[in-house]
């Protein structure tokens, strides 16, 4: 069991639990966001060609655009620390001013 799981009192534990630990929740969020952006890119690429009345379009073009946008989006959020542990941010570290 992790230190974070041990720190939560049993009275505060809900009757249901997510299948991932609290430490990995940020990384799971990053993966879910990547897949949602990728799927949105493919769906809107195909929808554009459907509305336009043109050929249905190649799936790999939508995947290329969606993956490029997803990588850039997730890279920016990861560089700002949104996918890491919440406790590792600077406001959770003890101050050294005594």
N, C-alpha and C. Protein backbone atom coordinates (compact mmCIF):
# COMPACT_ATOMS: atom_id res chain seq x y z
N UNK A 1 0.84 -1.18 0.00
CA UNK A 1 0.00 0.00 0.00
C UNK A 1 0.88 1.24 0.00
N UNK A 2 0.48 2.28 -0.66
CA UNK A 2 1.28 3.49 -0.73
C UNK A 2 1.09 4.34 0.53
N UNK A 3 1.97 5.30 0.71
CA UNK A 3 1.89 6.19 1.87
C UNK A 3 0.64 7.03 1.84
N UNK A 4 0.21 7.42 0.64
CA UNK A 4 -1.00 8.23 0.52
C UNK A 4 -2.24 7.43 0.90
N UNK A 5 -2.28 6.15 0.49
CA UNK A 5 -3.41 5.32 0.87
C UNK A 5 -3.46 5.06 2.36
N UNK A 6 -2.29 4.94 2.99
CA UNK A 6 -2.24 4.70 4.43
C UNK A 6 -2.62 5.95 5.22
N UNK A 7 -2.40 7.13 4.64
CA UNK A 7 -2.69 8.38 5.34
C UNK A 7 -4.18 8.69 5.39
N UNK A 8 -4.96 8.12 4.49
CA UNK A 8 -6.40 8.37 4.47
C UNK A 8 -7.06 7.51 5.53
N UNK A 9 -7.77 8.12 6.46
CA UNK A 9 -8.44 7.31 7.49
C UNK A 9 -9.54 6.44 6.88
N UNK A 10 -9.80 5.33 7.51
CA UNK A 10 -10.77 4.38 6.97
C UNK A 10 -12.18 4.96 6.95
N UNK A 11 -12.50 5.91 7.83
CA UNK A 11 -13.83 6.51 7.83
C UNK A 11 -14.05 7.36 6.59
N UNK A 12 -12.97 7.89 6.01
CA UNK A 12 -13.11 8.76 4.84
C UNK A 12 -13.07 7.98 3.54
N UNK A 13 -12.84 6.68 3.59
CA UNK A 13 -12.75 5.87 2.38
C UNK A 13 -14.16 5.61 1.86
N UNK A 14 -14.42 5.96 0.59
CA UNK A 14 -15.75 5.69 0.04
C UNK A 14 -15.97 4.19 -0.16
N UNK A 15 -17.22 3.82 -0.37
CA UNK A 15 -17.53 2.41 -0.56
C UNK A 15 -17.05 1.91 -1.93
N UNK A 16 -16.78 2.78 -2.87
CA UNK A 16 -16.24 2.40 -4.18
C UNK A 16 -14.87 2.99 -4.34
N UNK A 17 -14.04 2.38 -5.16
CA UNK A 17 -12.69 2.87 -5.40
C UNK A 17 -12.39 2.77 -6.88
N UNK A 18 -11.59 3.68 -7.36
CA UNK A 18 -11.13 3.61 -8.74
C UNK A 18 -10.10 2.50 -8.86
N UNK A 19 -9.98 1.90 -10.04
CA UNK A 19 -9.01 0.79 -10.19
C UNK A 19 -7.56 1.25 -10.28
N UNK A 20 -7.30 2.55 -10.10
CA UNK A 20 -5.93 3.06 -10.13
C UNK A 20 -5.64 3.75 -8.81
N UNK A 21 -4.36 3.87 -8.48
CA UNK A 21 -3.98 4.53 -7.24
C UNK A 21 -4.02 6.04 -7.42
N UNK A 22 -3.99 6.74 -6.31
CA UNK A 22 -4.03 8.20 -6.35
C UNK A 22 -2.79 8.77 -7.03
N UNK A 23 -1.67 8.08 -6.87
CA UNK A 23 -0.43 8.57 -7.46
C UNK A 23 -0.47 8.53 -8.99
N UNK A 24 -1.20 7.59 -9.54
CA UNK A 24 -1.24 7.42 -10.99
C UNK A 24 -2.42 8.12 -11.64
N UNK A 25 -3.24 8.79 -10.88
CA UNK A 25 -4.44 9.43 -11.43
C UNK A 25 -4.09 10.53 -12.42
N UNK A 26 -3.04 11.28 -12.16
CA UNK A 26 -2.64 12.35 -13.08
C UNK A 26 -2.17 11.80 -14.41
N UNK A 27 -1.43 10.70 -14.35
CA UNK A 27 -0.95 10.08 -15.59
C UNK A 27 -2.09 9.45 -16.36
N UNK A 28 -3.06 8.88 -15.66
CA UNK A 28 -4.23 8.32 -16.33
C UNK A 28 -5.04 9.43 -17.00
N UNK A 29 -5.13 10.58 -16.34
CA UNK A 29 -5.82 11.72 -16.93
C UNK A 29 -5.14 12.16 -18.22
N UNK A 30 -3.82 12.18 -18.22
CA UNK A 30 -3.09 12.54 -19.43
C UNK A 30 -3.36 11.58 -20.57
N UNK A 31 -3.41 10.29 -20.27
CA UNK A 31 -3.71 9.29 -21.30
C UNK A 31 -5.12 9.42 -21.84
N UNK A 32 -6.07 9.68 -20.94
CA UNK A 32 -7.46 9.84 -21.36
C UNK A 32 -7.61 11.09 -22.22
N UNK A 33 -6.98 12.19 -21.82
CA UNK A 33 -7.05 13.41 -22.62
C UNK A 33 -6.43 13.21 -24.00
N UNK A 34 -5.31 12.48 -24.06
CA UNK A 34 -4.67 12.20 -25.34
C UNK A 34 -5.62 11.44 -26.26
N UNK A 35 -6.26 10.40 -25.73
CA UNK A 35 -7.18 9.60 -26.54
C UNK A 35 -8.42 10.39 -26.96
N UNK A 36 -8.92 11.24 -26.09
CA UNK A 36 -10.10 12.05 -26.44
C UNK A 36 -9.76 13.05 -27.55
N UNK A 37 -8.61 13.68 -27.45
CA UNK A 37 -8.21 14.63 -28.49
C UNK A 37 -7.96 13.91 -29.81
N UNK A 38 -7.36 12.75 -29.76
CA UNK A 38 -7.12 11.96 -30.96
C UNK A 38 -8.43 11.54 -31.61
N UNK A 39 -9.37 11.04 -30.82
CA UNK A 39 -10.67 10.64 -31.36
C UNK A 39 -11.45 11.83 -31.91
N UNK A 40 -11.34 12.98 -31.25
CA UNK A 40 -12.02 14.18 -31.74
C UNK A 40 -11.45 14.62 -33.07
N UNK A 41 -10.15 14.53 -33.23
CA UNK A 41 -9.53 14.88 -34.51
C UNK A 41 -10.00 14.00 -35.64
N UNK A 42 -10.10 12.70 -35.39
CA UNK A 42 -10.54 11.76 -36.43
C UNK A 42 -12.02 11.98 -36.75
N UNK A 43 -12.85 12.14 -35.71
CA UNK A 43 -14.28 12.31 -35.94
C UNK A 43 -14.59 13.60 -36.70
N UNK A 44 -13.95 14.69 -36.34
CA UNK A 44 -14.23 15.94 -37.03
C UNK A 44 -13.65 15.96 -38.43
N UNK A 45 -12.56 15.25 -38.65
CA UNK A 45 -12.00 15.14 -40.00
C UNK A 45 -12.98 14.38 -40.90
N UNK A 46 -13.51 13.27 -40.40
CA UNK A 46 -14.47 12.51 -41.18
C UNK A 46 -15.79 13.28 -41.33
N UNK A 47 -16.22 13.97 -40.27
CA UNK A 47 -17.44 14.75 -40.33
C UNK A 47 -17.35 15.90 -41.31
N UNK A 48 -16.19 16.52 -41.41
CA UNK A 48 -15.98 17.60 -42.36
C UNK A 48 -16.18 17.10 -43.79
N UNK A 49 -15.59 15.97 -44.09
CA UNK A 49 -15.73 15.43 -45.45
C UNK A 49 -17.14 14.93 -45.71
N UNK A 50 -17.84 14.49 -44.69
CA UNK A 50 -19.23 14.07 -44.85
C UNK A 50 -20.12 15.27 -45.16
N UNK A 51 -19.94 16.37 -44.45
CA UNK A 51 -20.74 17.58 -44.68
C UNK A 51 -20.37 18.21 -46.02
N UNK A 52 -19.12 18.19 -46.34
CA UNK A 52 -18.65 18.78 -47.59
C UNK A 52 -19.16 18.01 -48.80
N UNK A 53 -19.47 16.75 -48.62
CA UNK A 53 -19.97 15.94 -49.72
C UNK A 53 -18.86 15.41 -50.61
N UNK A 54 -17.66 15.51 -50.14
CA UNK A 54 -16.50 15.07 -50.89
C UNK A 54 -16.22 13.60 -50.57
N UNK A 55 -15.09 13.12 -51.00
CA UNK A 55 -14.70 11.75 -50.67
C UNK A 55 -14.60 11.62 -49.15
N UNK A 56 -14.76 10.41 -48.63
CA UNK A 56 -14.79 10.28 -47.17
C UNK A 56 -13.49 10.63 -46.47
N UNK A 57 -12.41 10.77 -47.16
CA UNK A 57 -11.15 11.13 -46.52
C UNK A 57 -10.42 9.91 -46.01
N UNK A 58 -9.13 10.04 -45.88
CA UNK A 58 -8.32 8.94 -45.38
C UNK A 58 -8.22 9.04 -43.87
N UNK A 59 -8.38 7.91 -43.22
CA UNK A 59 -8.34 7.88 -41.76
C UNK A 59 -6.97 8.32 -41.24
N UNK A 60 -5.93 8.01 -41.96
CA UNK A 60 -4.59 8.35 -41.46
C UNK A 60 -4.36 9.85 -41.44
N UNK A 61 -5.02 10.61 -42.31
CA UNK A 61 -4.89 12.07 -42.25
C UNK A 61 -5.49 12.62 -40.96
N UNK A 62 -6.66 12.13 -40.60
CA UNK A 62 -7.26 12.55 -39.34
C UNK A 62 -6.45 12.11 -38.13
N UNK A 63 -5.88 10.90 -38.22
CA UNK A 63 -5.02 10.43 -37.12
C UNK A 63 -3.76 11.27 -37.01
N UNK A 64 -3.21 11.68 -38.13
CA UNK A 64 -1.99 12.49 -38.11
C UNK A 64 -2.26 13.85 -37.45
N UNK A 65 -3.33 14.50 -37.85
CA UNK A 65 -3.66 15.81 -37.27
C UNK A 65 -4.03 15.67 -35.80
N UNK A 66 -4.85 14.68 -35.48
CA UNK A 66 -5.27 14.48 -34.09
C UNK A 66 -4.10 14.14 -33.18
N UNK A 67 -3.19 13.31 -33.67
CA UNK A 67 -2.05 12.95 -32.83
C UNK A 67 -1.09 14.12 -32.64
N UNK A 68 -0.92 14.94 -33.68
CA UNK A 68 -0.06 16.11 -33.55
C UNK A 68 -0.62 17.08 -32.51
N UNK A 69 -1.90 17.35 -32.59
CA UNK A 69 -2.53 18.26 -31.62
C UNK A 69 -2.49 17.66 -30.22
N UNK A 70 -2.76 16.37 -30.10
CA UNK A 70 -2.77 15.72 -28.79
C UNK A 70 -1.38 15.73 -28.15
N UNK A 71 -0.35 15.47 -28.94
CA UNK A 71 1.01 15.48 -28.41
C UNK A 71 1.39 16.88 -27.94
N UNK A 72 1.08 17.89 -28.75
CA UNK A 72 1.42 19.27 -28.36
C UNK A 72 0.66 19.69 -27.11
N UNK A 73 -0.63 19.38 -27.04
CA UNK A 73 -1.46 19.75 -25.89
C UNK A 73 -0.95 19.07 -24.62
N UNK A 74 -0.73 17.76 -24.70
CA UNK A 74 -0.28 17.03 -23.52
C UNK A 74 1.15 17.41 -23.12
N UNK A 75 1.98 17.78 -24.08
CA UNK A 75 3.35 18.20 -23.76
C UNK A 75 3.34 19.51 -23.00
N UNK A 76 2.48 20.44 -23.40
CA UNK A 76 2.40 21.73 -22.70
C UNK A 76 1.88 21.53 -21.28
N UNK A 77 0.83 20.74 -21.12
CA UNK A 77 0.29 20.52 -19.77
C UNK A 77 1.26 19.73 -18.90
N UNK A 78 1.98 18.80 -19.49
CA UNK A 78 2.96 18.03 -18.73
C UNK A 78 4.12 18.91 -18.29
N UNK A 79 4.54 19.85 -19.13
CA UNK A 79 5.64 20.74 -18.76
C UNK A 79 5.23 21.69 -17.64
N UNK A 80 3.94 21.95 -17.50
CA UNK A 80 3.46 22.80 -16.42
C UNK A 80 3.14 22.01 -15.16
N UNK A 81 3.32 20.69 -15.20
CA UNK A 81 3.15 19.86 -14.01
C UNK A 81 1.73 19.42 -13.72
N UNK A 82 0.86 19.38 -14.71
CA UNK A 82 -0.53 19.01 -14.46
C UNK A 82 -0.75 17.51 -14.39
N UNK A 83 0.19 16.70 -14.88
CA UNK A 83 -0.01 15.26 -14.90
C UNK A 83 0.77 14.52 -13.83
N UNK A 84 1.50 15.21 -13.01
CA UNK A 84 2.30 14.56 -11.98
C UNK A 84 1.53 14.43 -10.68
N UNK A 85 2.27 14.12 -9.64
CA UNK A 85 1.66 14.02 -8.32
C UNK A 85 1.28 15.39 -7.80
N UNK A 86 0.16 15.48 -7.15
CA UNK A 86 -0.27 16.75 -6.58
C UNK A 86 0.62 17.16 -5.42
N UNK A 87 1.17 16.19 -4.70
CA UNK A 87 2.01 16.50 -3.54
C UNK A 87 3.40 16.94 -3.93
N UNK A 88 3.80 16.75 -5.18
CA UNK A 88 5.16 17.11 -5.58
C UNK A 88 5.28 18.56 -6.03
N UNK A 89 4.19 19.29 -6.03
CA UNK A 89 4.25 20.70 -6.43
C UNK A 89 4.85 21.53 -5.32
N UNK A 90 5.28 22.73 -5.64
CA UNK A 90 6.06 23.54 -4.70
C UNK A 90 5.26 23.98 -3.48
N UNK A 91 3.95 24.14 -3.58
CA UNK A 91 3.20 24.61 -2.42
C UNK A 91 3.01 23.53 -1.37
N UNK A 92 3.38 22.29 -1.65
CA UNK A 92 3.25 21.22 -0.66
C UNK A 92 4.56 20.92 0.05
N UNK A 93 5.63 21.53 -0.41
CA UNK A 93 6.92 21.26 0.24
C UNK A 93 7.04 22.12 1.48
N UNK A 94 7.68 21.61 2.52
CA UNK A 94 7.82 22.41 3.75
C UNK A 94 8.75 23.60 3.51
N UNK A 95 8.42 24.71 4.11
CA UNK A 95 9.24 25.91 3.93
C UNK A 95 10.47 25.83 4.84
N UNK A 96 11.54 26.44 4.38
CA UNK A 96 12.79 26.39 5.15
C UNK A 96 12.99 27.66 5.97
N UNK A 97 12.03 28.57 6.00
CA UNK A 97 12.20 29.79 6.78
C UNK A 97 11.86 29.51 8.23
N UNK A 98 12.85 29.67 9.09
CA UNK A 98 12.64 29.39 10.52
C UNK A 98 12.92 30.62 11.33
